Amino acid sequence: MFDALGSDRCYKKAWPLDKILKLIREESGHHFDPKIVKVSLEHLDEFIRIRDMQQDQFTEGNSVLSENSCPTKPRG
C-alpha cells in the first residue's frame, strides 16, 4: 500500500508522503492492523530508503508503458 500510493504509475501520480501517512494513521484499527502500523511507522526511514532505491522508471512521455498501453489504466 505504501509503495502503491507513494510511487508514480502509468495511470496516476504518487501521493505526497504526508497524505500517505495521514491515511495510514486514520485507517489504523479499521483497514490496517494497529500493531503493523506502529511497527511500520517506527521503520518509516527504511521503507522510504527501499522505495527510493527500487523506484519504477515511469516518466511522462518516456515510459516502459506509455499511458496508452497501460494495462490497468481506467477506461472512461
N, C-alpha and C. Protein backbone atom coordinates (compact mmCIF):
# COMPACT_ATOMS: atom_id res chain seq x y z
N MET A 1 0.82 -1.18 0.00
CA MET A 1 0.00 0.00 0.00
C MET A 1 0.88 1.26 0.00
N PHE A 2 1.88 1.26 0.88
CA PHE A 2 2.78 2.41 0.96
C PHE A 2 3.44 2.64 -0.39
N ASP A 3 3.94 1.57 -0.98
CA ASP A 3 4.61 1.69 -2.27
C ASP A 3 3.63 2.10 -3.37
N ALA A 4 2.46 1.51 -3.37
CA ALA A 4 1.47 1.80 -4.42
C ALA A 4 1.05 3.27 -4.39
N LEU A 5 0.82 3.80 -3.22
CA LEU A 5 0.40 5.20 -3.12
C LEU A 5 1.56 6.17 -3.34
N GLY A 6 2.75 5.78 -2.91
CA GLY A 6 3.89 6.69 -2.96
C GLY A 6 4.70 6.65 -4.24
N SER A 7 4.26 5.87 -5.21
CA SER A 7 5.01 5.75 -6.45
C SER A 7 4.15 6.18 -7.64
N ASP A 8 4.80 6.83 -8.58
CA ASP A 8 4.12 7.14 -9.84
C ASP A 8 3.78 5.84 -10.55
N ARG A 9 2.65 5.83 -11.18
CA ARG A 9 2.23 4.71 -12.02
C ARG A 9 1.82 5.30 -13.37
N CYS A 10 1.66 4.45 -14.36
CA CYS A 10 1.31 4.96 -15.69
C CYS A 10 -0.08 5.60 -15.68
N TYR A 11 -0.87 5.34 -14.66
CA TYR A 11 -2.25 5.85 -14.60
C TYR A 11 -2.48 6.85 -13.47
N LYS A 12 -1.43 7.16 -12.65
CA LYS A 12 -1.61 8.11 -11.55
C LYS A 12 -0.27 8.65 -11.08
N LYS A 13 -0.31 9.80 -10.46
CA LYS A 13 0.87 10.39 -9.83
C LYS A 13 0.98 9.88 -8.39
N ALA A 14 2.19 9.88 -7.87
CA ALA A 14 2.43 9.48 -6.48
C ALA A 14 1.78 10.47 -5.53
N TRP A 15 1.28 9.93 -4.41
CA TRP A 15 0.76 10.79 -3.34
C TRP A 15 1.94 11.36 -2.56
N PRO A 16 1.79 12.56 -1.99
CA PRO A 16 2.82 13.10 -1.10
C PRO A 16 2.88 12.25 0.18
N LEU A 17 4.06 12.18 0.78
CA LEU A 17 4.27 11.36 1.97
C LEU A 17 3.31 11.72 3.09
N ASP A 18 3.07 13.01 3.32
CA ASP A 18 2.18 13.40 4.43
C ASP A 18 0.76 12.88 4.22
N LYS A 19 0.29 12.83 2.98
CA LYS A 19 -1.05 12.32 2.70
C LYS A 19 -1.12 10.80 2.92
N ILE A 20 -0.05 10.09 2.54
CA ILE A 20 0.01 8.65 2.76
C ILE A 20 -0.02 8.34 4.25
N LEU A 21 0.81 9.04 5.02
CA LEU A 21 0.89 8.80 6.46
C LEU A 21 -0.42 9.13 7.15
N LYS A 22 -1.08 10.18 6.71
CA LYS A 22 -2.38 10.54 7.27
C LYS A 22 -3.38 9.42 7.06
N LEU A 23 -3.44 8.89 5.84
CA LEU A 23 -4.36 7.80 5.54
C LEU A 23 -4.05 6.57 6.39
N ILE A 24 -2.79 6.20 6.47
CA ILE A 24 -2.40 5.02 7.25
C ILE A 24 -2.78 5.18 8.72
N ARG A 25 -2.52 6.35 9.27
CA ARG A 25 -2.87 6.59 10.68
C ARG A 25 -4.39 6.57 10.89
N GLU A 26 -5.13 7.18 9.96
CA GLU A 26 -6.60 7.21 10.08
C GLU A 26 -7.21 5.82 9.96
N GLU A 27 -6.61 4.97 9.16
CA GLU A 27 -7.15 3.63 8.93
C GLU A 27 -6.61 2.58 9.90
N SER A 28 -5.70 2.99 10.79
CA SER A 28 -5.19 2.07 11.82
C SER A 28 -6.34 1.63 12.70
N GLY A 29 -6.52 0.33 12.82
CA GLY A 29 -7.62 -0.20 13.60
C GLY A 29 -8.88 -0.44 12.79
N HIS A 30 -8.88 0.01 11.55
CA HIS A 30 -10.02 -0.19 10.66
C HIS A 30 -9.59 -1.11 9.52
N HIS A 31 -8.86 -0.55 8.56
CA HIS A 31 -8.37 -1.35 7.44
C HIS A 31 -6.98 -1.92 7.70
N PHE A 32 -6.25 -1.33 8.64
CA PHE A 32 -4.89 -1.76 8.93
C PHE A 32 -4.76 -2.19 10.38
N ASP A 33 -4.02 -3.25 10.59
CA ASP A 33 -3.74 -3.74 11.94
C ASP A 33 -2.90 -2.69 12.68
N PRO A 34 -3.35 -2.22 13.84
CA PRO A 34 -2.61 -1.18 14.57
C PRO A 34 -1.18 -1.56 14.93
N LYS A 35 -0.94 -2.84 15.19
CA LYS A 35 0.42 -3.28 15.52
C LYS A 35 1.34 -3.15 14.30
N ILE A 36 0.81 -3.50 13.13
CA ILE A 36 1.60 -3.38 11.90
C ILE A 36 1.85 -1.90 11.58
N VAL A 37 0.85 -1.06 11.77
CA VAL A 37 1.02 0.38 11.54
C VAL A 37 2.10 0.93 12.45
N LYS A 38 2.05 0.57 13.72
CA LYS A 38 3.04 1.07 14.69
C LYS A 38 4.46 0.67 14.29
N VAL A 39 4.65 -0.60 13.97
CA VAL A 39 5.98 -1.08 13.59
C VAL A 39 6.42 -0.44 12.27
N SER A 40 5.50 -0.32 11.32
CA SER A 40 5.84 0.28 10.03
C SER A 40 6.28 1.73 10.19
N LEU A 41 5.56 2.48 11.01
CA LEU A 41 5.92 3.89 11.22
C LEU A 41 7.24 4.02 11.95
N GLU A 42 7.53 3.07 12.84
CA GLU A 42 8.82 3.09 13.54
C GLU A 42 9.99 2.87 12.58
N HIS A 43 9.72 2.21 11.45
CA HIS A 43 10.76 1.90 10.46
C HIS A 43 10.53 2.65 9.15
N LEU A 44 9.85 3.77 9.23
CA LEU A 44 9.50 4.54 8.03
C LEU A 44 10.72 4.92 7.20
N ASP A 45 11.80 5.31 7.85
CA ASP A 45 13.01 5.70 7.11
C ASP A 45 13.52 4.56 6.23
N GLU A 46 13.42 3.32 6.74
CA GLU A 46 13.86 2.17 5.96
C GLU A 46 12.93 1.93 4.77
N PHE A 47 11.62 2.06 4.98
CA PHE A 47 10.66 1.91 3.89
C PHE A 47 10.94 2.94 2.79
N ILE A 48 11.19 4.17 3.19
CA ILE A 48 11.46 5.23 2.21
C ILE A 48 12.75 4.96 1.46
N ARG A 49 13.77 4.53 2.18
CA ARG A 49 15.06 4.22 1.54
C ARG A 49 14.90 3.11 0.50
N ILE A 50 14.20 2.05 0.86
CA ILE A 50 13.99 0.93 -0.06
C ILE A 50 13.15 1.37 -1.26
N ARG A 51 12.08 2.11 -1.00
CA ARG A 51 11.24 2.60 -2.10
C ARG A 51 12.05 3.45 -3.07
N ASP A 52 12.88 4.34 -2.53
CA ASP A 52 13.67 5.22 -3.38
C ASP A 52 14.71 4.45 -4.20
N MET A 53 15.25 3.37 -3.64
CA MET A 53 16.23 2.55 -4.36
C MET A 53 15.57 1.72 -5.45
N GLN A 54 14.30 1.38 -5.28
CA GLN A 54 13.62 0.46 -6.18
C GLN A 54 12.53 1.13 -7.02
N GLN A 55 12.63 2.42 -7.25
CA GLN A 55 11.60 3.14 -7.97
C GLN A 55 11.41 2.61 -9.38
N ASP A 56 10.14 2.57 -9.80
CA ASP A 56 9.83 2.25 -11.19
C ASP A 56 10.34 3.39 -12.06
N GLN A 57 10.58 3.11 -13.32
CA GLN A 57 11.14 4.10 -14.22
C GLN A 57 10.11 4.82 -15.06
N PHE A 58 8.88 4.98 -14.56
CA PHE A 58 7.84 5.69 -15.31
C PHE A 58 8.08 7.19 -15.25
N THR A 59 8.15 7.78 -16.41
CA THR A 59 8.18 9.24 -16.51
C THR A 59 7.28 9.61 -17.67
N GLU A 60 6.57 10.68 -17.55
CA GLU A 60 5.62 11.10 -18.58
C GLU A 60 6.32 11.23 -19.93
N GLY A 61 5.73 10.59 -20.93
CA GLY A 61 6.26 10.70 -22.28
C GLY A 61 7.45 9.80 -22.56
N ASN A 62 8.03 9.19 -21.54
CA ASN A 62 9.20 8.33 -21.72
C ASN A 62 9.12 7.18 -20.74
N SER A 63 8.22 6.25 -21.01
CA SER A 63 8.00 5.17 -20.05
C SER A 63 8.11 3.82 -20.71
N VAL A 64 8.32 2.82 -19.89
CA VAL A 64 8.29 1.45 -20.36
C VAL A 64 6.89 1.16 -20.86
N LEU A 65 5.89 1.60 -20.13
CA LEU A 65 4.49 1.50 -20.54
C LEU A 65 3.99 2.91 -20.79
N SER A 66 3.61 3.20 -21.98
CA SER A 66 3.05 4.53 -22.23
C SER A 66 1.65 4.58 -21.65
N GLU A 67 1.10 5.77 -21.48
CA GLU A 67 -0.24 5.90 -20.95
C GLU A 67 -1.24 5.13 -21.80
N ASN A 68 -1.04 5.07 -23.10
CA ASN A 68 -1.98 4.37 -23.98
C ASN A 68 -1.87 2.86 -23.87
N SER A 69 -0.74 2.36 -23.39
CA SER A 69 -0.58 0.92 -23.30
C SER A 69 -0.68 0.41 -21.87
N CYS A 70 -0.97 1.27 -20.93
CA CYS A 70 -1.06 0.89 -19.53
C CYS A 70 -2.17 -0.15 -19.35
N PRO A 71 -1.84 -1.37 -18.90
CA PRO A 71 -2.86 -2.40 -18.79
C PRO A 71 -3.91 -2.14 -17.71
N THR A 72 -3.59 -1.28 -16.76
CA THR A 72 -4.55 -1.03 -15.68
C THR A 72 -5.10 0.38 -15.74
N LYS A 73 -4.90 1.06 -16.84
CA LYS A 73 -5.43 2.43 -16.98
C LYS A 73 -6.96 2.38 -16.96
N PRO A 74 -7.58 3.16 -16.09
CA PRO A 74 -9.04 3.17 -16.04
C PRO A 74 -9.63 3.58 -17.38
N ARG A 75 -10.66 2.90 -17.77
CA ARG A 75 -11.31 3.22 -19.04
C ARG A 75 -12.40 4.25 -18.78
N GLY A 76 -12.61 5.12 -19.72
CA GLY A 76 -13.66 6.10 -19.50
C GLY A 76 -13.76 7.10 -20.51
